[in-house]
Each structure stands twice: as structure tokens, then as C-alpha cells.
Amino acid sequence: MPDDPQRIRAIGVDLPSGHGGYAPAFHLARMTAAHTLSPPARLCCHLRPAVCRPVDQPPTSRASVAGYPSVGRTMKRVVVISGAMGVGKSETLKSMRETLIDMVGEIAVLESDQFYMMIDPRWTCPPDRVDHYNAVSGWLLRETALGFLRAGFAWVAIASNGHWKQRSTREFVRPFLLENVSVHHITLDPEEEILRQRIAQRSKAAGLAVDEQRAAEAVEMLFQVRQALGTWTHVVDNSQLTPEATVRAIHDAIERRHGLMHP
């Protein structure tokens, strides 16, 4: 890890002075040789990101809120896209940047499963560790999203199988709201038969036999998600929509302030 402030500034990251600051999440691996880190169970409570910004952009003058440096005065958006497995979240994210970048500016897309798999790549961890790993990967996901916003990205879209319940979703997005980030929650909700077809198509594309048990689990989750729906989320029926059309439907909903979450 370079300790020359000018070299650090050149890569776009300012490290806090003194002994009370912490490095951003994406520098943790580079600092482990020189710093002693808190145990994983304490990461969520004790690690705060440094201010991340382009080299030629001065730091914001607005004070930090609840320990988080400001993301700036320009309105930023976080779009949480939820729904049962197989509804099309990943394909929607893949199409989002090329579909919307000319309309909304820089976009980053993140998937909660990818962050969890950094810890448990084969989904084989003991059941008594799942909640802990979810907490750590969820924290890292949120910090990464904040990092993109501080770096000047206009949109951060997050796809998640987990954030379909109002209470847990509000807990997850609270740091964004404290930063005056506009947060929208979108639920993808295709018809049951369409969901079964997509699960089958996914298996065939991978050269595998159709997994009827997985399809049944996806449909069961679809019904669970529907029971949790309410005015706090905006539902997009993407049964007959391509991924690109789904992205446009999400953008139109956000422009109408649908799915807007409040503190």
C-alpha cells in the first residue's frame, strides 16, 4: 500500500488522517499486511469508508451524515431490483447500462449473490453461518454502491433475491437515505408459467436437464414475494418484456417517482 499522499491522490482515493479513520472496502486487502483489522463480526460497525472522488474534483463542503462522507449535492439514485429467482433480474442489469447511459449518466450494476459468493462460492457454508455471511456481504455491497456514488456515478442498480421484505429492505437502504440519495424499489413479477419457462430455458442453455424442483422453488418464492408487496415497492410485470424493455419500464416508473422509498 503506498504511503505517499500524492500517489494515493493520483489513484483517486484520500485516506483519512490520524488513527481514527478507516480505508474503503476495496482497499482492505491491500492494507491487511500493514494494519490489524477488526474481526469480521465487527466490520459492519467499525469500518467507515474514506471519501472517494476523481482527482480533479474538490471534496464536498457538506458535513458527513451518520459517519458517511457526503456523496455530493447532485441527485443520485439507487435502484433496488428484487423478485423471486428466475424473474429476470440479472438479465435486466446486463441491459441497463447500454439502454440508459445516454439518459441518466454513469451506471453501475451490482448483484447481491456475487458479493455473497465472495465468502461462500459454492453455497455450501454451514447453516449457522449464513446469517453472518449475509450481513458481511450485504455491508460490502452497500459500501461498494456508496463508493460508486462518491465517484460520480449517477445510478447504482442492485439486484437482490433477498430484499423483497419491507423491513429488511429499509434497513439496507437507510445509509443511502441518510446521504440524501434517491432510493427506488422495483419488484419484477412475471406470470407463473413464464417463470417456469425461464427456469427451463436457463437449464437448457447450460446444457442441463430441466430442474423441476428448482422451478417449483422459484414459483413458491414468487408467491411469497407477492404476499409482501405493498405501496412501498413498484411492481413491473415483465412477462412479455425483453430485458431492454424491462429496463425502460423501470426507468419510466422512476421518472414518475414510483417505488420511491422514504426514511
Protein backbone atom coordinates (compact mmCIF):
# COMPACT_ATOMS: atom_id res chain seq x y z
CA MET A 1 0.00 0.00 0.00
CA PRO A 2 1.61 3.33 -0.98
CA ASP A 3 2.04 5.77 1.88
CA ASP A 4 2.85 8.77 -0.32
CA PRO A 5 -0.20 11.11 -0.13
CA GLN A 6 0.39 12.37 -3.67
CA ARG A 7 0.47 8.85 -5.06
CA ILE A 8 -2.69 7.98 -3.12
CA ARG A 9 -4.40 11.09 -4.51
CA ALA A 10 -3.35 10.07 -8.01
CA ILE A 11 -5.43 6.89 -7.84
CA GLY A 12 -8.46 8.88 -6.73
CA VAL A 13 -8.64 7.92 -3.06
CA ASP A 14 -7.99 10.06 0.00
CA LEU A 15 -7.16 8.19 3.18
CA PRO A 16 -8.28 9.81 6.44
CA SER A 17 -5.54 11.36 8.53
CA GLY A 18 -4.94 10.28 12.10
CA HIS A 19 -5.55 6.91 13.68
CA GLY A 20 -9.34 7.01 13.80
CA GLY A 21 -10.03 6.67 10.07
CA TYR A 22 -10.58 3.56 8.06
CA ALA A 23 -9.87 2.65 4.46
CA PRO A 24 -12.67 1.94 1.97
CA ALA A 25 -13.73 -1.66 1.50
CA PHE A 26 -11.92 -2.13 -1.79
CA HIS A 27 -8.57 -1.28 -0.14
CA LEU A 28 -8.91 -3.69 2.78
CA ALA A 29 -6.98 -6.48 1.09
CA ARG A 30 -4.08 -4.14 0.33
CA MET A 31 -3.91 -2.94 3.91
CA THR A 32 -4.01 -6.22 5.80
CA ALA A 33 -0.22 -6.52 5.77
CA ALA A 34 0.19 -3.17 7.49
CA HIS A 35 -2.89 -2.84 9.65
CA THR A 36 -4.73 -5.01 12.09
CA LEU A 37 -8.39 -5.34 11.13
CA SER A 38 -11.33 -5.91 13.42
CA PRO A 39 -12.88 -9.40 13.40
CA PRO A 40 -15.40 -9.96 10.59
CA ALA A 41 -18.29 -9.77 13.03
CA ARG A 42 -17.36 -6.14 13.77
CA LEU A 43 -16.89 -4.99 10.18
CA CYS A 44 -20.37 -3.54 9.85
CA CYS A 45 -19.99 -1.43 12.96
CA HIS A 46 -16.38 -0.26 12.82
CA LEU A 47 -15.31 0.27 9.23
CA ARG A 48 -16.13 3.61 7.61
CA PRO A 49 -15.17 4.44 4.02
CA ALA A 50 -12.85 7.25 3.06
CA VAL A 51 -14.03 9.91 0.66
CA CYS A 52 -13.65 8.66 -2.92
CA ARG A 53 -13.68 11.15 -5.79
CA PRO A 54 -11.98 11.96 -9.08
CA VAL A 55 -8.61 13.66 -8.73
CA ASP A 56 -9.81 17.00 -10.10
CA GLN A 57 -12.98 17.10 -8.01
CA PRO A 58 -12.72 19.00 -4.70
CA PRO A 59 -14.20 17.45 -1.60
CA THR A 60 -17.77 18.39 -0.77
CA SER A 61 -18.23 21.01 1.91
CA ARG A 62 -21.39 19.41 3.28
CA ALA A 63 -20.80 17.68 6.57
CA SER A 64 -20.87 13.92 6.83
CA VAL A 65 -24.07 12.32 7.99
CA ALA A 66 -24.02 9.45 10.48
CA GLY A 67 -20.35 8.76 9.79
CA TYR A 68 -20.64 8.59 6.00
CA PRO A 69 -18.87 11.22 3.89
CA SER A 70 -21.22 13.03 1.55
CA VAL A 71 -21.79 11.73 -1.98
CA GLY A 72 -22.20 15.33 -3.18
CA ARG A 73 -25.06 17.66 -3.97
CA THR A 74 -26.08 16.23 -7.33
CA MET A 75 -29.07 13.92 -7.01
CA LYS A 76 -28.01 10.29 -7.07
CA ARG A 77 -30.18 7.21 -7.41
CA VAL A 78 -30.02 3.70 -6.05
CA VAL A 79 -32.43 1.27 -7.70
CA VAL A 80 -33.04 -1.97 -5.82
CA ILE A 81 -34.47 -4.61 -8.16
CA SER A 82 -36.00 -7.55 -6.36
CA GLY A 83 -38.18 -10.55 -7.04
CA ALA A 84 -38.10 -14.32 -6.97
CA MET A 85 -35.22 -16.24 -8.50
CA GLY A 86 -35.55 -16.56 -12.25
CA VAL A 87 -37.72 -13.47 -12.82
CA GLY A 88 -35.04 -11.73 -14.91
CA LYS A 89 -33.10 -9.53 -12.51
CA SER A 90 -29.65 -10.44 -13.83
CA GLU A 91 -30.58 -10.05 -17.49
CA THR A 92 -32.18 -6.71 -16.70
CA LEU A 93 -28.99 -5.47 -15.06
CA LYS A 94 -26.89 -6.59 -18.02
CA SER A 95 -29.01 -4.43 -20.32
CA MET A 96 -29.30 -1.41 -18.05
CA ARG A 97 -26.06 0.38 -18.82
CA GLU A 98 -26.30 0.28 -22.61
CA THR A 99 -30.01 1.15 -22.51
CA LEU A 100 -29.91 4.09 -20.11
CA ILE A 101 -26.41 5.56 -20.03
CA ASP A 102 -27.26 8.30 -22.54
CA MET A 103 -30.30 9.28 -20.46
CA VAL A 104 -29.10 9.09 -16.87
CA GLY A 105 -25.30 9.18 -16.99
CA GLU A 106 -22.85 6.70 -15.49
CA ILE A 107 -24.43 3.49 -14.18
CA ALA A 108 -23.02 0.72 -12.01
CA VAL A 109 -24.81 -2.60 -11.62
CA LEU A 110 -24.31 -4.89 -8.61
CA GLU A 111 -25.74 -8.27 -7.68
CA SER A 112 -26.06 -9.36 -4.07
CA ASP A 113 -25.35 -13.02 -4.96
CA GLN A 114 -21.93 -12.08 -6.34
CA PHE A 115 -20.97 -10.46 -3.04
CA TYR A 116 -22.17 -13.44 -1.01
CA MET A 117 -20.23 -15.81 -3.26
CA MET A 118 -17.00 -14.00 -2.36
CA ILE A 119 -17.40 -15.75 1.00
CA ASP A 120 -19.28 -18.91 0.06
CA PRO A 121 -18.60 -19.54 -3.66
CA ARG A 122 -20.24 -22.98 -3.73
CA TRP A 123 -23.18 -22.13 -1.44
CA THR A 124 -22.09 -24.86 0.97
CA CYS A 125 -21.44 -22.98 4.22
CA PRO A 126 -22.92 -24.36 7.47
CA PRO A 127 -26.46 -23.08 8.10
CA ASP A 128 -25.39 -21.40 11.34
CA ARG A 129 -23.03 -19.12 9.35
CA VAL A 130 -25.46 -17.98 6.65
CA ASP A 131 -26.88 -15.01 8.55
CA HIS A 132 -23.41 -13.78 9.46
CA TYR A 133 -22.16 -14.11 5.88
CA ASN A 134 -25.26 -12.36 4.59
CA ALA A 135 -24.64 -9.47 6.98
CA VAL A 136 -21.00 -9.08 5.93
CA SER A 137 -21.67 -9.40 2.18
CA GLY A 138 -24.63 -7.04 2.47
CA TRP A 139 -22.46 -4.46 4.19
CA LEU A 140 -19.80 -4.78 1.50
CA LEU A 141 -22.45 -4.46 -1.22
CA ARG A 142 -23.78 -1.26 0.32
CA GLU A 143 -20.31 0.22 0.79
CA THR A 144 -19.45 -0.57 -2.83
CA ALA A 145 -22.62 1.17 -4.00
CA LEU A 146 -21.75 4.22 -1.91
CA GLY A 147 -18.26 4.17 -3.40
CA PHE A 148 -19.66 4.36 -6.93
CA LEU A 149 -21.91 7.27 -5.94
CA ARG A 150 -18.99 9.14 -4.37
CA ALA A 151 -17.00 8.54 -7.56
CA GLY A 152 -19.62 10.43 -9.55
CA PHE A 153 -21.89 7.65 -10.83
CA ALA A 154 -25.48 8.81 -11.26
CA TRP A 155 -27.19 5.42 -10.85
CA VAL A 156 -26.35 2.29 -8.92
CA ALA A 157 -28.69 -0.62 -9.63
CA ILE A 158 -28.70 -3.52 -7.18
CA ALA A 159 -30.32 -6.87 -7.98
CA SER A 160 -31.20 -8.99 -4.98
CA ASN A 161 -33.17 -12.12 -4.17
CA GLY A 162 -33.20 -11.08 -0.54
CA HIS A 163 -34.58 -7.55 -0.41
CA TRP A 164 -38.25 -8.28 -1.03
CA LYS A 165 -39.45 -7.67 2.53
CA GLN A 166 -40.12 -4.09 3.52
CA ARG A 167 -38.42 -4.11 6.93
CA SER A 168 -35.12 -5.66 5.88
CA THR A 169 -35.02 -3.54 2.74
CA ARG A 170 -35.45 -0.34 4.73
CA GLU A 171 -32.60 -1.35 7.00
CA PHE A 172 -30.40 -1.99 3.97
CA VAL A 173 -31.13 1.33 2.23
CA ARG A 174 -31.05 3.57 5.34
CA PRO A 175 -27.42 4.72 4.77
CA PHE A 176 -28.33 5.79 1.23
CA LEU A 177 -31.29 7.80 2.52
CA LEU A 178 -29.08 9.46 5.14
CA GLU A 179 -26.89 10.60 2.25
CA ASN A 180 -29.92 12.17 0.51
CA VAL A 181 -29.71 9.54 -2.20
CA SER A 182 -32.96 8.85 -4.01
CA VAL A 183 -33.79 5.17 -3.48
CA HIS A 184 -36.36 3.27 -5.53
CA HIS A 185 -37.51 -0.30 -5.01
CA ILE A 186 -38.72 -2.29 -8.02
CA THR A 187 -40.21 -5.80 -7.92
CA LEU A 188 -40.17 -7.89 -11.08
CA ASP A 189 -43.29 -10.06 -11.16
CA PRO A 190 -43.82 -12.21 -14.27
CA GLU A 191 -46.63 -14.72 -14.60
CA GLU A 192 -46.11 -18.14 -13.04
CA GLU A 193 -45.97 -20.00 -16.36
CA ILE A 194 -43.48 -17.51 -17.77
CA LEU A 195 -41.28 -18.03 -14.72
CA ARG A 196 -41.33 -21.80 -15.24
CA GLN A 197 -40.38 -21.32 -18.89
CA ARG A 198 -37.45 -19.09 -17.96
CA ILE A 199 -36.14 -21.59 -15.43
CA ALA A 200 -36.36 -24.30 -18.09
CA GLN A 201 -34.63 -22.14 -20.70
CA ARG A 202 -31.84 -21.36 -18.27
CA SER A 203 -31.25 -25.09 -17.67
CA LYS A 204 -31.24 -25.88 -21.38
CA ALA A 205 -28.82 -23.04 -22.11
CA ALA A 206 -26.43 -24.57 -19.58
CA GLY A 207 -26.81 -27.99 -21.18
CA LEU A 208 -28.65 -29.39 -18.17
CA ALA A 209 -31.90 -31.25 -17.75
CA VAL A 210 -34.84 -29.13 -16.63
CA ASP A 211 -34.76 -28.92 -12.84
CA GLU A 212 -38.41 -29.27 -11.83
CA GLN A 213 -37.58 -28.86 -8.15
CA ARG A 214 -35.84 -25.55 -8.80
CA ALA A 215 -38.78 -24.37 -10.88
CA ALA A 216 -41.15 -25.30 -8.05
CA GLU A 217 -38.98 -23.41 -5.54
CA ALA A 218 -38.96 -20.36 -7.80
CA VAL A 219 -42.75 -20.39 -8.08
CA GLU A 220 -43.10 -20.79 -4.31
CA MET A 221 -40.82 -17.80 -3.81
CA LEU A 222 -42.84 -15.85 -6.39
CA PHE A 223 -45.95 -16.30 -4.23
CA GLN A 224 -44.04 -15.32 -1.07
CA VAL A 225 -42.81 -12.14 -2.73
CA ARG A 226 -46.34 -11.28 -3.85
CA GLN A 227 -47.59 -11.57 -0.28
CA ALA A 228 -45.03 -8.95 0.77
CA LEU A 229 -45.97 -6.43 -1.92
CA GLY A 230 -47.36 -3.04 -0.94
CA THR A 231 -47.17 0.64 -1.70
CA TRP A 232 -43.51 0.67 -0.64
CA THR A 233 -42.44 -1.04 -3.91
CA HIS A 234 -43.34 -0.66 -7.57
CA VAL A 235 -44.27 -3.83 -9.45
CA VAL A 236 -43.22 -4.40 -13.06
CA ASP A 237 -44.87 -7.32 -14.84
CA ASN A 238 -42.11 -8.32 -17.24
CA SER A 239 -43.84 -11.44 -18.55
CA GLN A 240 -43.80 -10.21 -22.15
CA LEU A 241 -40.89 -7.77 -21.89
CA THR A 242 -37.36 -8.19 -23.18
CA PRO A 243 -34.58 -7.21 -20.76
CA GLU A 244 -34.19 -3.90 -22.62
CA ALA A 245 -37.94 -3.20 -22.43
CA THR A 246 -37.87 -4.08 -18.73
CA VAL A 247 -35.11 -1.52 -18.19
CA ARG A 248 -37.16 1.13 -19.97
CA ALA A 249 -40.22 0.25 -17.87
CA ILE A 250 -38.12 0.65 -14.71
CA HIS A 251 -36.78 3.99 -15.92
CA ASP A 252 -40.29 5.24 -16.74
CA ALA A 253 -41.50 4.21 -13.29
CA ILE A 254 -38.64 6.01 -11.58
CA GLU A 255 -39.24 9.16 -13.63
CA ARG A 256 -42.79 9.07 -12.22
CA ARG A 257 -41.34 8.64 -8.71
CA HIS A 258 -42.85 5.18 -8.31
CA GLY A 259 -41.26 2.88 -5.75
CA LEU A 260 -39.60 5.84 -4.00
CA MET A 261 -38.54 4.88 -0.50
CA HIS A 262 -38.62 7.34 2.39
CA PRO A 263 -36.67 7.42 5.67
